[in-house]
Protein backbone atom coordinates (compact mmCIF):
# COMPACT_ATOMS: atom_id res chain seq x y z
CA MET A 1 0.00 -0.09 0.01
CA GLY A 2 1.34 3.50 -1.04
CA SER A 3 1.76 6.28 1.60
CA PHE A 4 -1.38 8.00 0.26
CA GLN A 5 -3.59 5.28 0.56
CA ALA A 6 -1.92 4.34 4.12
CA LEU A 7 -2.97 7.77 5.10
CA VAL A 8 -6.40 7.83 3.95
CA ALA A 9 -7.11 3.89 5.66
CA ALA A 10 -5.54 5.80 8.65
CA ALA A 11 -7.66 8.70 8.78
CA CYS A 12 -11.09 6.67 7.70
CA ILE A 13 -10.18 4.13 10.80
CA SER A 14 -9.40 7.02 13.25
CA MET A 15 -12.94 8.89 12.30
CA ILE A 16 -15.39 8.82 15.13
CA ALA A 17 -18.23 9.89 12.77
CA PHE A 18 -19.50 6.95 10.60
CA GLN A 19 -19.76 7.59 6.78
CA SER A 20 -20.75 5.78 3.84
CA CYS A 21 -17.21 5.42 2.37
CA PHE A 22 -16.81 2.33 5.14
CA VAL A 23 -19.93 0.54 3.47
CA HIS A 24 -18.36 -1.77 1.18
CA GLY A 25 -19.66 -5.43 2.02
CA LYS A 26 -20.95 -7.65 -0.63
CA PHE A 27 -24.36 -9.49 0.17
CA TYR A 28 -23.23 -12.30 -2.02
CA ASP A 29 -20.44 -13.13 0.42
CA ASP A 30 -21.80 -11.85 3.84
CA MET A 31 -25.58 -12.34 3.92
CA TYR A 32 -28.29 -14.88 2.70
CA PHE A 33 -31.98 -15.16 2.42
CA ASN A 34 -33.19 -16.88 5.49
CA TRP A 35 -36.86 -16.49 4.03
CA GLY A 36 -39.03 -15.04 1.26
CA ALA A 37 -36.16 -15.45 -1.31
CA LYS A 38 -38.38 -16.07 -4.10
CA ARG A 39 -39.60 -12.51 -3.58
CA SER A 40 -36.62 -10.48 -3.14
CA TYR A 41 -33.17 -10.32 -5.18
CA ILE A 42 -29.26 -9.44 -4.93
CA TYR A 43 -28.33 -7.25 -7.92
CA ASN A 44 -25.76 -4.66 -8.87
CA ASN A 45 -22.75 -7.04 -8.41
CA GLY A 46 -23.70 -7.91 -4.86
CA ASP A 47 -24.02 -4.29 -3.33
CA ASN A 48 -27.84 -4.28 -3.38
CA ILE A 49 -30.88 -6.46 -2.24
CA ASP A 50 -34.28 -5.52 -2.43
CA LEU A 51 -36.75 -6.93 -0.04
CA VAL A 52 -40.28 -7.58 -0.81
CA LEU A 53 -43.42 -7.93 0.89
CA ASP A 54 -46.66 -8.99 -0.65
CA LYS A 55 -50.23 -10.63 0.26
CA ALA A 56 -48.28 -14.04 0.44
CA SER A 57 -44.87 -13.26 2.35
CA GLY A 58 -42.41 -10.96 3.27
CA SER A 59 -38.85 -11.58 2.92
CA GLY A 60 -35.41 -11.11 5.11
CA VAL A 61 -31.42 -11.67 4.95
CA GLN A 62 -29.15 -12.62 7.80
CA SER A 63 -25.49 -12.65 7.91
CA HIS A 64 -23.39 -15.79 7.79
CA LYS A 65 -21.06 -14.65 10.66
CA ALA A 66 -21.60 -13.40 13.98
CA PHE A 67 -20.12 -10.60 15.99
CA LEU A 68 -19.17 -9.35 19.15
CA TYR A 69 -18.22 -5.55 19.13
CA GLY A 70 -17.62 -3.26 16.19
CA SER A 71 -19.46 -1.33 13.81
CA ILE A 72 -22.53 -2.42 11.76
CA GLU A 73 -23.54 -0.23 8.80
CA MET A 74 -26.18 -0.46 6.28
CA LEU A 75 -27.57 1.92 3.66
CA ILE A 76 -31.41 1.53 3.48
CA LYS A 77 -34.02 3.20 1.48
CA LEU A 78 -37.70 2.64 2.73
CA VAL A 79 -40.70 1.74 1.39
CA PRO A 80 -42.53 4.61 -0.29
CA GLY A 81 -46.01 6.00 -0.63
CA ASN A 82 -48.64 4.30 1.36
CA SER A 83 -46.39 1.65 3.83
CA ALA A 84 -49.21 1.68 6.62
CA GLY A 85 -48.79 -1.85 8.35
CA THR A 86 -45.42 -2.56 7.15
CA VAL A 87 -42.16 -2.66 9.07
CA THR A 88 -38.64 -2.66 7.56
CA ALA A 89 -36.24 -4.21 10.28
CA TYR A 90 -32.61 -4.16 10.71
CA TYR A 91 -31.09 -5.47 14.27
CA LEU A 92 -28.43 -7.66 15.53
CA SER A 93 -29.31 -10.72 17.51
CA SER A 94 -28.30 -13.88 19.02
CA THR A 95 -30.18 -17.03 19.55
CA GLY A 96 -32.22 -18.51 22.29
CA ASP A 97 -34.42 -17.68 25.29
CA TYR A 98 -31.90 -15.41 26.88
CA HIS A 99 -30.87 -13.72 23.89
CA ASP A 100 -29.36 -10.16 23.09
CA GLU A 101 -30.54 -7.71 20.51
CA ILE A 102 -30.02 -4.38 19.15
CA ASP A 103 -32.73 -2.92 16.80
CA PHE A 104 -33.65 -0.53 14.26
CA GLU A 105 -37.26 -1.09 13.15
CA PHE A 106 -38.88 1.71 10.71
CA LEU A 107 -42.81 1.65 11.12
CA GLY A 108 -44.82 2.23 8.20
CA ASN A 109 -47.34 5.17 7.74
CA SER A 110 -50.20 6.56 5.39
CA SER A 111 -49.02 8.26 2.69
CA GLY A 112 -47.47 11.91 3.46
CA GLN A 113 -46.86 11.05 7.23
CA PRO A 114 -43.54 10.61 8.69
CA TYR A 115 -41.95 7.25 9.29
CA THR A 116 -41.41 6.16 13.06
CA MET A 117 -37.98 5.10 13.69
CA HIS A 118 -38.35 2.41 16.56
CA THR A 119 -35.06 1.28 18.79
CA ASN A 120 -35.05 -0.94 21.27
CA ILE A 121 -32.07 -3.30 23.07
CA PHE A 122 -32.32 -6.84 24.67
CA THR A 123 -30.11 -8.62 27.33
CA GLN A 124 -30.47 -11.96 28.47
CA GLY A 125 -33.80 -12.08 26.71
CA LYS A 126 -35.08 -8.83 28.51
CA GLY A 127 -36.23 -5.94 26.43
CA ASN A 128 -38.86 -3.07 27.14
CA ARG A 129 -36.20 -0.45 26.29
CA GLU A 130 -37.68 1.22 23.31
CA GLN A 131 -36.99 4.76 22.30
CA GLN A 132 -38.94 6.14 19.23
CA PHE A 133 -38.09 8.87 17.04
CA LYS A 134 -39.74 10.83 13.73
CA LEU A 135 -37.00 11.30 10.92
CA TRP A 136 -35.86 14.59 9.74
CA PHE A 137 -35.73 13.71 6.52
CA ASP A 138 -37.88 11.37 3.88
CA PRO A 139 -35.99 8.10 3.91
CA THR A 140 -38.07 6.97 0.88
CA THR A 141 -36.51 9.10 -1.98
CA ASP A 142 -32.69 7.85 -1.12
CA PHE A 143 -30.31 5.44 0.89
CA HIS A 144 -29.34 6.71 4.27
CA ASN A 145 -26.75 5.07 6.74
CA TYR A 146 -27.98 3.57 9.60
CA THR A 147 -24.96 2.07 12.14
CA ILE A 148 -25.14 0.26 15.07
CA HIS A 149 -21.82 0.81 17.07
CA TRP A 150 -21.07 -1.59 20.10
CA ASN A 151 -18.00 -1.89 22.01
CA PRO A 152 -17.60 -2.84 25.78
CA THR A 153 -18.42 0.48 26.74
CA ALA A 154 -21.58 1.33 25.12
CA VAL A 155 -23.91 1.06 21.93
CA VAL A 156 -24.61 3.76 19.98
CA TRP A 157 -27.08 4.16 17.19
CA TYR A 158 -26.40 6.26 14.25
CA VAL A 159 -28.16 7.79 11.38
CA ASP A 160 -26.02 9.50 8.92
CA SER A 161 -23.23 9.91 11.30
CA ILE A 162 -25.65 11.48 13.84
CA PRO A 163 -25.82 9.74 17.06
CA ILE A 164 -29.90 9.45 18.27
CA ARG A 165 -29.21 6.94 21.27
CA VAL A 166 -26.65 5.71 23.50
CA TYR A 167 -27.27 2.74 26.05
CA ARG A 168 -24.03 2.50 28.64
CA ASN A 169 -22.66 -0.60 30.22
CA TYR A 170 -23.07 -0.79 33.84
CA ILE A 171 -22.93 -4.58 33.99
CA HIS A 172 -20.90 -4.02 37.23
CA GLU A 173 -24.19 -2.55 38.80
CA GLY A 174 -26.16 -5.51 37.71
CA ILE A 175 -27.79 -3.90 34.66
CA GLY A 176 -27.93 -5.96 31.34
CA PHE A 177 -25.46 -5.25 28.96
CA PRO A 178 -24.98 -7.07 25.67
CA HIS A 179 -21.15 -8.53 26.02
CA GLN A 180 -20.82 -12.32 26.18
CA GLN A 181 -23.01 -13.49 23.05
CA GLY A 182 -22.14 -13.12 19.50
CA MET A 183 -24.70 -11.59 16.95
CA GLN A 184 -25.90 -12.13 13.64
CA VAL A 185 -27.13 -9.26 11.44
CA TYR A 186 -30.59 -9.25 10.17
CA SER A 187 -32.72 -7.20 7.94
CA SER A 188 -36.53 -7.86 6.93
CA LEU A 189 -39.52 -6.58 5.47
CA TRP A 190 -42.86 -7.96 6.94
CA ASN A 191 -46.53 -7.60 7.63
CA ALA A 192 -46.88 -5.95 11.12
CA ASP A 193 -50.37 -4.26 10.75
CA ASN A 194 -51.64 -5.68 13.96
CA TRP A 195 -49.30 -3.21 15.78
CA ALA A 196 -47.02 -0.82 13.56
CA THR A 197 -49.47 2.10 12.60
CA ARG A 198 -51.25 3.82 15.21
CA GLY A 199 -51.33 0.76 17.53
CA GLY A 200 -52.86 -1.36 14.55
CA LEU A 201 -55.68 0.89 13.80
CA VAL A 202 -54.34 1.25 10.13
CA LYS A 203 -53.80 -1.88 8.30
CA ILE A 204 -51.80 -2.71 5.33
CA ASP A 205 -53.46 -1.48 1.57
CA TRP A 206 -52.88 -4.53 -0.52
CA SER A 207 -53.54 -2.83 -3.31
CA CYS A 208 -50.53 -0.85 -3.32
CA ALA A 209 -48.38 -3.96 -3.24
CA PRO A 210 -45.67 -5.18 -3.71
CA PHE A 211 -43.81 -3.03 -1.36
CA MET A 212 -40.22 -2.91 -1.56
CA ALA A 213 -37.36 -1.55 0.65
CA GLY A 214 -33.76 -1.46 -0.77
CA LEU A 215 -30.73 -2.34 1.27
CA ARG A 216 -27.22 -1.19 -0.04
CA LYS A 217 -23.40 -2.01 0.65
CA PHE A 218 -23.99 -3.78 4.03
CA ASN A 219 -20.67 -3.78 6.14
CA ALA A 220 -19.34 -5.05 9.48
CA ARG A 221 -16.16 -3.56 10.84
CA ALA A 222 -16.44 -5.73 13.72
CA CYS A 223 -14.75 -8.64 15.75
CA LYS A 224 -16.26 -12.28 14.21
CA TRP A 225 -17.56 -14.40 16.92
CA ASN A 226 -15.38 -17.53 17.36
CA GLY A 227 -17.31 -18.68 20.64
CA PRO A 228 -16.79 -18.06 24.41
CA LEU A 229 -12.96 -17.21 23.71
CA SER A 230 -14.44 -14.24 21.71
CA ILE A 231 -15.51 -12.64 25.22
CA PHE A 232 -11.97 -11.75 25.97
CA GLN A 233 -10.52 -11.34 22.43
CA CYS A 234 -13.09 -8.97 21.21
CA ALA A 235 -12.83 -6.94 24.24
CA PHE A 236 -9.17 -6.76 24.72
CA PRO A 237 -7.68 -3.29 24.02
CA THR A 238 -5.37 -3.85 21.04
CA GLN A 239 -4.86 -1.52 17.63
CA ALA A 240 -6.79 -4.40 15.58
CA ASN A 241 -9.72 -3.82 18.19
CA TRP A 242 -10.18 -0.17 17.31
CA TRP A 243 -13.39 0.01 18.97
CA THR A 244 -11.93 -0.34 22.26
CA SER A 245 -9.87 2.84 22.05
CA PRO A 246 -10.33 5.75 24.10
CA ALA A 247 -11.86 7.60 21.41
CA TYR A 248 -14.92 5.41 21.53
CA LYS A 249 -15.64 5.59 25.05
CA GLN A 250 -17.51 8.75 25.06
CA LEU A 251 -19.26 10.91 22.34
CA SER A 252 -17.41 14.22 21.74
CA THR A 253 -18.90 17.42 22.52
CA GLU A 254 -19.86 17.80 19.00
CA GLN A 255 -21.61 14.59 18.82
CA GLN A 256 -23.23 15.13 22.04
CA GLY A 257 -24.66 18.54 20.46
CA LYS A 258 -26.08 16.45 17.74
CA LEU A 259 -27.58 13.84 19.82
CA LYS A 260 -29.43 16.44 21.90
CA TRP A 261 -30.64 18.02 18.94
CA VAL A 262 -32.29 14.96 17.58
CA ARG A 263 -33.61 14.08 21.05
CA ASP A 264 -35.18 17.44 21.65
CA ASN A 265 -36.77 17.73 18.44
CA TYR A 266 -37.36 14.27 17.17
CA MET A 267 -37.73 11.71 20.03
CA ILE A 268 -41.51 10.86 20.42
CA TYR A 269 -41.13 8.21 23.02
CA ASN A 270 -38.75 7.06 25.62
CA TYR A 271 -39.30 4.01 28.29
CA CYS A 272 -37.40 6.04 30.92
CA THR A 273 -40.23 8.62 31.17
CA ASP A 274 -43.44 5.98 30.90
CA TYR A 275 -44.10 5.87 34.48
CA LYS A 276 -47.72 4.72 33.69
CA ARG A 277 -46.58 1.67 31.51
CA PHE A 278 -44.28 0.45 34.43
CA ASN A 279 -46.11 1.70 37.16
CA GLY A 280 -43.49 3.72 38.65
CA LYS A 281 -40.78 0.93 38.53
CA MET A 282 -38.37 2.21 36.05
CA ALA A 283 -35.47 0.45 34.64
CA PRO A 284 -32.18 1.16 36.86
CA GLU A 285 -30.39 2.33 33.60
CA CYS A 286 -32.87 5.28 33.51
CA TYR A 287 -31.23 6.86 36.76
CA LYS A 288 -27.72 6.48 34.86
CA PRO A 289 -25.89 8.78 32.85
CA GLN A 290 -25.77 7.49 29.36
CA TYR A 291 -23.87 10.20 27.21
């Protein structure tokens, strides 16, 4: 590698903001259809997938590999027009009753209404940590970068390099954190009209089918899960484990400003303020600093 190329590579690796230049995976190599394959297809030399939902079935893909820590990125273009009742999901998950999971879910809407971006995190099978946002752009006209950054300190959800949510590691205080299970990457488009739009009041209009969501250039700059030994290997602070560097332990001042802007203007639900739902018995992390 020449000196200029090495300099560019080093600059990219050291950046805290996440940019689409990182996203260069091939779906042919990295993912496979786990359901609905007849309705969807990979094209553009493996760079793109179109997920399709019709009245018979939706569709979904998952990664061949599982990971523990790193940065998982996907460019996504959501279902346009009347997408009420549909959900486009993009998430990490392990398997089993005590699974870990980190979610992006995009809840469809009637024409002209903004999408709801739903986020959640499960630890040892326990979820109920939802936060929801309205997007500040039209996610159906172009691809946008959705990134899950996960390290031993925190999970951070990003949209086009803007952090929207942080979930910090307080495992030493008995608060769950995903740190001992490798997770595969999943994306799907499916019928959720029993709950997705206005609590299930608005159903899918099948006259608008087939519905289509586009995925582009999936990339996992992450530690490959190789069994329990990875719990130590992926968390050990080495240069190769770039996600363990001090720069990723805390959002920068600029990033915290962007996060505050999103949460002040576009957050519509936070489980940490839903006292009625939890009868005032709020999750312990709600009382801890996250940023």
